[in-house]
Protein backbone atom coordinates (compact mmCIF):
# COMPACT_ATOMS: atom_id res chain seq x y z
CA UNK A 1 -5.46 -4.47 -24.89
CA UNK A 2 -5.86 -0.97 -23.47
CA UNK A 3 -9.01 -2.08 -21.64
CA UNK A 4 -7.11 -5.05 -20.23
CA UNK A 5 -4.33 -2.83 -18.88
CA UNK A 6 -6.88 -0.43 -17.37
CA UNK A 7 -8.61 -3.39 -15.72
CA UNK A 8 -5.29 -4.56 -14.25
CA UNK A 9 -4.59 -1.11 -12.81
CA UNK A 10 -8.04 -1.03 -11.26
CA UNK A 11 -7.71 -4.58 -9.93
CA UNK A 12 -4.41 -3.68 -8.26
CA UNK A 13 -6.31 -1.32 -5.97
CA UNK A 14 -9.71 -2.99 -5.92
CA UNK A 15 -8.45 -6.35 -4.66
CA UNK A 16 -6.87 -5.18 -1.37
CA UNK A 17 -9.82 -2.82 -0.88
CA UNK A 18 -12.19 -5.79 -1.30
CA UNK A 19 -10.29 -7.75 1.34
CA UNK A 20 -10.41 -4.68 3.58
CA UNK A 21 -14.16 -4.37 3.09
CA UNK A 22 -14.62 -8.06 3.89
CA UNK A 23 -13.00 -7.46 7.27
CA UNK A 24 -16.03 -5.39 8.27
CA UNK A 25 -18.38 -8.32 7.67
CA UNK A 26 -18.21 -10.44 10.80
CA UNK A 27 -18.59 -13.79 9.07
CA UNK A 28 -15.94 -12.99 6.46
CA UNK A 29 -13.30 -11.27 8.62
CA UNK A 30 -11.36 -14.34 9.68
CA UNK A 31 -11.14 -15.71 6.14
CA UNK A 32 -10.27 -12.31 4.65
CA UNK A 33 -7.31 -11.94 7.01
CA UNK A 34 -6.19 -15.53 6.54
CA UNK A 35 -6.12 -15.19 2.75
CA UNK A 36 -5.07 -11.54 2.45
CA UNK A 37 -1.74 -12.65 0.97
CA UNK A 38 -3.71 -13.02 -2.29
CA UNK A 39 -4.57 -9.31 -2.36
CA UNK A 40 -1.31 -8.13 -4.02
CA UNK A 41 -1.37 -10.74 -6.81
CA UNK A 42 -3.02 -8.41 -9.41
CA UNK A 43 -0.38 -5.80 -8.55
CA UNK A 44 2.38 -8.32 -9.24
CA UNK A 45 0.87 -9.09 -12.65
CA UNK A 46 0.39 -5.38 -13.40
CA UNK A 47 3.98 -4.57 -12.46
CA UNK A 48 5.42 -7.36 -14.61
CA UNK A 49 3.31 -6.32 -17.62
CA UNK A 50 4.13 -2.67 -17.05
CA UNK A 51 7.85 -3.36 -17.42
CA UNK A 52 7.31 -3.83 -21.17
CA UNK A 53 4.02 -2.01 -21.79
CA UNK A 54 4.46 1.17 -19.75
CA UNK A 55 3.18 3.78 -19.54
CA UNK A 56 -0.28 2.49 -18.63
CA UNK A 57 -2.93 5.15 -17.88
CA UNK A 58 -6.45 4.84 -16.50
CA UNK A 59 -8.73 7.77 -15.61
CA UNK A 60 -11.34 7.44 -12.87
CA UNK A 61 -13.67 10.39 -13.58
CA UNK A 62 -16.09 9.53 -10.77
CA UNK A 63 -13.32 9.92 -8.18
CA UNK A 64 -11.31 12.45 -10.14
CA UNK A 65 -8.22 10.20 -9.92
CA UNK A 66 -5.72 9.20 -12.58
CA UNK A 67 -3.83 5.93 -12.38
CA UNK A 68 -0.55 5.84 -14.26
CA UNK A 69 2.21 3.24 -14.29
CA UNK A 70 5.60 3.92 -15.91
CA UNK A 71 8.65 1.64 -15.94
CA UNK A 72 10.22 2.81 -12.63
CA UNK A 73 6.83 2.43 -10.96
CA UNK A 74 6.28 -0.98 -12.57
CA UNK A 75 9.67 -2.21 -11.34
CA UNK A 76 9.02 -1.11 -7.76
CA UNK A 77 5.38 -2.26 -7.85
CA UNK A 78 6.32 -5.79 -8.92
CA UNK A 79 9.02 -6.05 -6.25
CA UNK A 80 6.81 -4.64 -3.49
CA UNK A 81 3.83 -6.84 -4.45
CA UNK A 82 5.99 -9.98 -4.37
CA UNK A 83 7.32 -8.98 -0.96
CA UNK A 84 3.79 -8.42 0.38
CA UNK A 85 2.69 -11.83 -0.90
CA UNK A 86 5.63 -13.70 0.65
CA UNK A 87 5.62 -11.90 4.01
CA UNK A 88 1.81 -12.03 4.33
CA UNK A 89 1.68 -15.75 3.57
CA UNK A 90 4.43 -16.44 6.12
CA UNK A 91 2.82 -14.22 8.74
CA UNK A 92 -0.64 -15.82 8.73
CA UNK A 93 0.40 -19.40 8.03
CA UNK A 94 0.34 -20.49 11.68
CA UNK A 95 -1.19 -17.42 13.28
CA UNK A 96 -4.68 -16.61 14.47
CA UNK A 97 -5.59 -13.38 12.66
CA UNK A 98 -5.64 -10.31 14.89
CA UNK A 99 -8.30 -7.84 13.79
CA UNK A 100 -6.55 -4.58 14.65
CA UNK A 101 -3.18 -5.69 13.29
CA UNK A 102 -4.85 -7.19 10.21
CA UNK A 103 -6.71 -3.98 9.35
CA UNK A 104 -3.53 -1.93 9.74
CA UNK A 105 -1.72 -4.46 7.54
CA UNK A 106 -4.30 -4.24 4.72
CA UNK A 107 -4.48 -0.44 4.88
CA UNK A 108 -0.69 -0.17 4.66
CA UNK A 109 -0.64 -2.67 1.80
CA UNK A 110 -3.27 -0.67 -0.13
CA UNK A 111 -1.35 2.57 0.31
CA UNK A 112 1.93 0.94 -0.67
CA UNK A 113 0.45 -0.41 -3.91
CA UNK A 114 -1.33 2.86 -4.62
CA UNK A 115 1.73 5.16 -4.50
CA UNK A 116 3.32 3.29 -7.41
CA UNK A 117 0.31 3.78 -9.71
CA UNK A 118 -1.05 7.17 -8.58
CA UNK A 119 -1.01 9.66 -11.44
CA UNK A 120 -2.30 12.82 -9.76
CA UNK A 121 -1.51 14.85 -6.65
CA UNK A 122 -4.66 13.96 -4.71
CA UNK A 123 -4.48 10.20 -5.16
CA UNK A 124 -0.73 10.14 -4.53
CA UNK A 125 -1.14 12.07 -1.28
CA UNK A 126 -3.98 9.79 -0.16
CA UNK A 127 -2.04 6.59 -0.83
CA UNK A 128 1.15 8.02 0.66
CA UNK A 129 -0.77 8.76 3.86
CA UNK A 130 -2.15 5.20 3.84
CA UNK A 131 1.28 3.64 3.58
CA UNK A 132 2.53 5.81 6.46
CA UNK A 133 -0.16 6.38 9.09
CA UNK A 134 -1.76 2.89 9.43
CA UNK A 135 1.73 1.40 9.82
CA UNK A 136 1.56 2.76 13.37
CA UNK A 137 -0.85 -0.08 14.15
CA UNK A 138 1.69 -2.71 13.11
CA UNK A 139 3.82 -2.19 16.21
CA UNK A 140 2.61 0.59 18.51
CA UNK A 141 -0.63 -0.90 19.93
CA UNK A 142 1.09 -2.41 22.93
CA UNK A 143 1.42 -2.09 26.69
CA UNK A 144 5.20 -2.04 26.29
CA UNK A 145 6.50 1.47 27.05
CA UNK A 146 9.34 1.23 24.53
CA UNK A 147 6.97 0.30 21.71
CA UNK A 148 4.60 3.12 22.61
CA UNK A 149 7.48 5.59 22.70
CA UNK A 150 8.73 4.36 19.33
CA UNK A 151 5.22 4.68 17.94
CA UNK A 152 4.90 8.26 19.17
CA UNK A 153 8.21 9.25 17.54
CA UNK A 154 7.27 7.46 14.32
CA UNK A 155 3.91 9.23 14.23
CA UNK A 156 5.53 12.63 14.87
CA UNK A 157 7.88 12.20 11.89
CA UNK A 158 5.01 10.85 9.77
CA UNK A 159 2.65 13.77 10.46
CA UNK A 160 5.47 16.27 9.92
CA UNK A 161 6.35 14.66 6.61
CA UNK A 162 2.70 14.66 5.51
CA UNK A 163 2.36 18.36 6.38
CA UNK A 164 5.53 19.26 4.45
CA UNK A 165 4.37 17.36 1.38
CA UNK A 166 0.88 18.89 1.57
CA UNK A 167 2.44 22.35 1.37
CA UNK A 168 4.68 21.26 -1.52
CA UNK A 169 1.73 19.78 -3.43
CA UNK A 170 -0.30 22.97 -2.87
CA UNK A 171 2.53 24.97 -4.44
CA UNK A 172 2.73 22.55 -7.37
CA UNK A 173 -1.02 22.76 -8.01
CA UNK A 174 -1.09 26.56 -7.71
CA UNK A 175 1.45 27.03 -10.50
CA UNK A 176 -0.16 24.68 -13.03
CA UNK A 177 -1.67 27.12 -15.54
CA UNK A 178 -4.53 24.88 -16.68
CA UNK A 179 -5.55 23.73 -13.21
CA UNK A 180 -4.56 20.11 -13.83
CA UNK A 181 -3.65 17.92 -10.85
CA UNK A 182 -1.86 15.28 -12.93
CA UNK A 183 1.70 14.73 -11.79
CA UNK A 184 3.12 14.99 -15.32
CA UNK A 185 1.40 18.36 -15.80
CA UNK A 186 2.41 19.95 -12.51
CA UNK A 187 6.01 18.77 -12.93
CA UNK A 188 6.13 20.25 -16.44
CA UNK A 189 5.12 23.61 -14.95
CA UNK A 190 7.58 23.49 -12.03
CA UNK A 191 10.71 24.89 -13.79
CA UNK A 192 8.90 28.19 -14.50
CA UNK A 193 7.40 28.46 -11.00
CA UNK A 194 8.29 31.38 -8.77
CA UNK A 195 8.26 28.94 -5.86
CA UNK A 196 10.44 26.33 -7.56
CA UNK A 197 13.26 26.32 -4.99
CA UNK A 198 10.91 26.32 -2.00
CA UNK A 199 8.87 23.50 -3.56
CA UNK A 200 11.95 21.39 -4.28
CA UNK A 201 13.19 21.90 -0.72
CA UNK A 202 9.86 20.75 0.72
CA UNK A 203 9.73 17.73 -1.62
CA UNK A 204 13.22 16.59 -0.62
CA UNK A 205 12.48 17.09 3.08
CA UNK A 206 9.11 15.33 2.92
CA UNK A 207 10.25 12.24 1.07
CA UNK A 208 13.63 12.34 2.82
CA UNK A 209 11.86 11.52 6.09
CA UNK A 210 10.45 8.34 4.56
CA UNK A 211 13.77 7.06 3.16
CA UNK A 212 15.81 8.00 6.25
CA UNK A 213 17.80 10.84 4.72
CA UNK A 214 19.98 12.74 7.20
CA UNK A 215 18.85 14.61 9.32
CA UNK A 216 15.33 13.08 9.14
CA UNK A 217 16.20 9.48 10.07
CA UNK A 218 15.73 9.50 13.84
CA UNK A 219 12.59 7.37 13.67
CA UNK A 220 14.12 4.38 11.85
CA UNK A 221 16.24 2.67 14.55
CA UNK A 222 13.51 3.07 17.18
CA UNK A 223 10.71 1.86 14.91
CA UNK A 224 12.52 -1.17 13.51
CA UNK A 225 13.71 -2.30 16.91
CA UNK A 226 10.18 -2.06 18.34
CA UNK A 227 8.32 -3.56 15.37
CA UNK A 228 7.64 -7.30 15.07
CA UNK A 229 9.71 -9.12 12.44
CA UNK A 230 7.08 -9.07 9.62
CA UNK A 231 6.31 -5.37 10.13
CA UNK A 232 10.01 -4.47 10.22
CA UNK A 233 10.54 -6.45 7.01
CA UNK A 234 7.80 -4.51 5.21
CA UNK A 235 8.74 -1.10 6.63
CA UNK A 236 12.39 -1.51 5.63
CA UNK A 237 11.54 -2.95 2.23
CA UNK A 238 8.34 -1.92 0.52
CA UNK A 239 7.51 0.96 2.88
CA UNK A 240 10.72 2.91 2.27
CA UNK A 241 10.20 2.57 -1.49
CA UNK A 242 7.17 4.87 -1.18
CA UNK A 243 9.67 7.65 -0.50
CA UNK A 244 11.87 6.50 -3.38
CA UNK A 245 9.01 6.62 -5.91
CA UNK A 246 8.04 10.03 -4.50
CA UNK A 247 11.48 11.44 -5.31
CA UNK A 248 11.35 9.86 -8.77
CA UNK A 249 7.91 11.38 -9.44
CA UNK A 250 8.45 14.87 -8.02
CA UNK A 251 12.04 15.78 -8.83
CA UNK A 252 12.39 17.47 -12.25
CA UNK A 253 14.77 14.91 -13.76
CA UNK A 254 16.63 16.08 -16.86
CA UNK A 255 15.96 19.76 -16.10
CA UNK A 256 18.83 21.90 -14.71
CA UNK A 257 18.20 22.93 -11.11
CA UNK A 258 20.96 25.16 -9.86
CA UNK A 259 22.47 23.75 -6.69
CA UNK A 260 19.74 21.21 -5.96
CA UNK A 261 21.36 18.33 -7.82
CA UNK A 262 24.66 18.75 -5.96
CA UNK A 263 22.86 19.19 -2.63
CA UNK A 264 20.81 16.03 -3.16
CA UNK A 265 23.89 14.00 -4.12
CA UNK A 266 25.71 15.24 -1.01
CA UNK A 267 22.77 14.41 1.26
CA UNK A 268 22.44 10.99 -0.35
CA UNK A 269 26.07 10.06 0.22
CA UNK A 270 26.03 11.49 3.74
CA UNK A 271 22.92 9.49 4.61
CA UNK A 272 24.33 6.31 3.06
CA UNK A 273 27.64 6.38 4.89
CA UNK A 274 26.08 7.70 8.10
CA UNK A 275 24.05 4.48 8.18
CA UNK A 276 27.16 2.37 7.69
CA UNK A 277 29.21 4.10 10.39
CA UNK A 278 26.51 4.16 13.06
CA UNK A 279 25.20 0.70 12.15
CA UNK A 280 28.60 -0.84 12.89
CA UNK A 281 28.42 0.46 16.48
CA UNK A 282 25.09 -1.26 17.27
CA UNK A 283 24.44 -4.63 18.92
CA UNK A 284 20.75 -5.14 18.16
CA UNK A 285 20.41 -6.83 14.72
CA UNK A 286 17.18 -5.00 13.92
CA UNK A 287 18.80 -1.65 14.69
CA UNK A 288 21.72 -2.55 12.44
CA UNK A 289 19.27 -3.31 9.63
CA UNK A 290 17.50 -0.02 10.36
CA UNK A 291 20.72 1.92 9.84
CA UNK A 292 21.29 0.06 6.58
CA UNK A 293 17.97 1.26 5.15
CA UNK A 294 19.21 4.81 4.39
CA UNK A 295 22.23 3.26 2.68
CA UNK A 296 20.01 1.18 0.39
CA UNK A 297 17.53 3.99 -0.28
CA UNK A 298 20.09 6.72 -0.96
CA UNK A 299 22.45 4.80 -3.27
CA UNK A 300 21.71 3.31 -6.67
CA UNK A 301 18.85 3.24 -9.13
CA UNK A 302 15.80 1.08 -9.66
CA UNK A 303 17.69 -2.21 -9.82
CA UNK A 304 19.44 -1.36 -6.55
CA UNK A 305 16.07 -0.70 -4.92
CA UNK A 306 14.84 -4.14 -6.02
CA UNK A 307 18.03 -5.67 -4.60
CA UNK A 308 17.26 -3.94 -1.32
CA UNK A 309 13.73 -5.37 -1.36
CA UNK A 310 15.16 -8.84 -1.91
CA UNK A 311 17.88 -8.51 0.73
CA UNK A 312 16.49 -6.59 3.69
CA UNK A 313 13.27 -8.52 4.35
CA UNK A 314 14.93 -11.99 4.39
CA UNK A 315 17.53 -10.61 6.79
CA UNK A 316 14.78 -9.55 9.20
CA UNK A 317 13.23 -13.03 9.03
CA UNK A 318 16.64 -14.69 9.52
CA UNK A 319 17.12 -12.56 12.59
CA UNK A 320 13.76 -13.77 13.93
CA UNK A 321 14.70 -17.41 13.32
CA UNK A 322 18.02 -16.91 15.09
CA UNK A 323 16.32 -15.36 18.12
CA UNK A 324 13.86 -18.27 18.40
CA UNK A 325 16.66 -20.81 18.23
């Protein structure tokens, strides 16, 4: 059974990568994009199995990566994979595949799946970058000035967040006494680190930008209003959960951290109610949904995050139907 679970973890990444590779073969590109909604199906199966069998671990010595799936990751992986399947199938049902958009879509999908099963610092950082940077191509390649401006602001926040997390991960790796890059090992060494407080501050700031935590949420209203309906649905649903799993992975849960717990709770509540207050003043439905994303991401546990996945994306699609009518 262990070999089966390892194969499922590998298939979760290998399948979208195979579709991505097919896009570079001219005769296969059109079919790969048309059927790319099948790419997350192994991830859905892996997430559902992981809910009862976690933790699942698979080492990739050739790449130096470790894949690991625990129950929080399995819950978010299953929800995100289902969302990717539904939105992808709806997107390409009556649409001629666009190469540039399709490649950005598959890259973002691969990164989004990868963050939930990454078990070491290097692979997590790689997949986190994939779920963030290629998303620029989902809405910013346009002649529209507003979309280009939104894309520039989104990219500025993205690069800043990546730089902050790179510094945090370097601190985590430096204080691991045995030189291990596994997330469980570096987090076990964090409480004794001389840089513990600085590292925690960088982790909260880096992932806070992804989930729209105050004061790092300036990109959300602009991005969601400029993005097409399918991209907005994925960014507000599965994309934000990359920041959620980052906080779950890299905050020392169960270990006393003087002041940090209270500060994080205060920031979470401020971000949640900030979204409510400012969202009520908006007229654009997509901007209203953008302001609701920090509320969903900063309140509640794993089940609340799955509720957000199930609620936010259909709302974006309902908004698109209403506009067409």
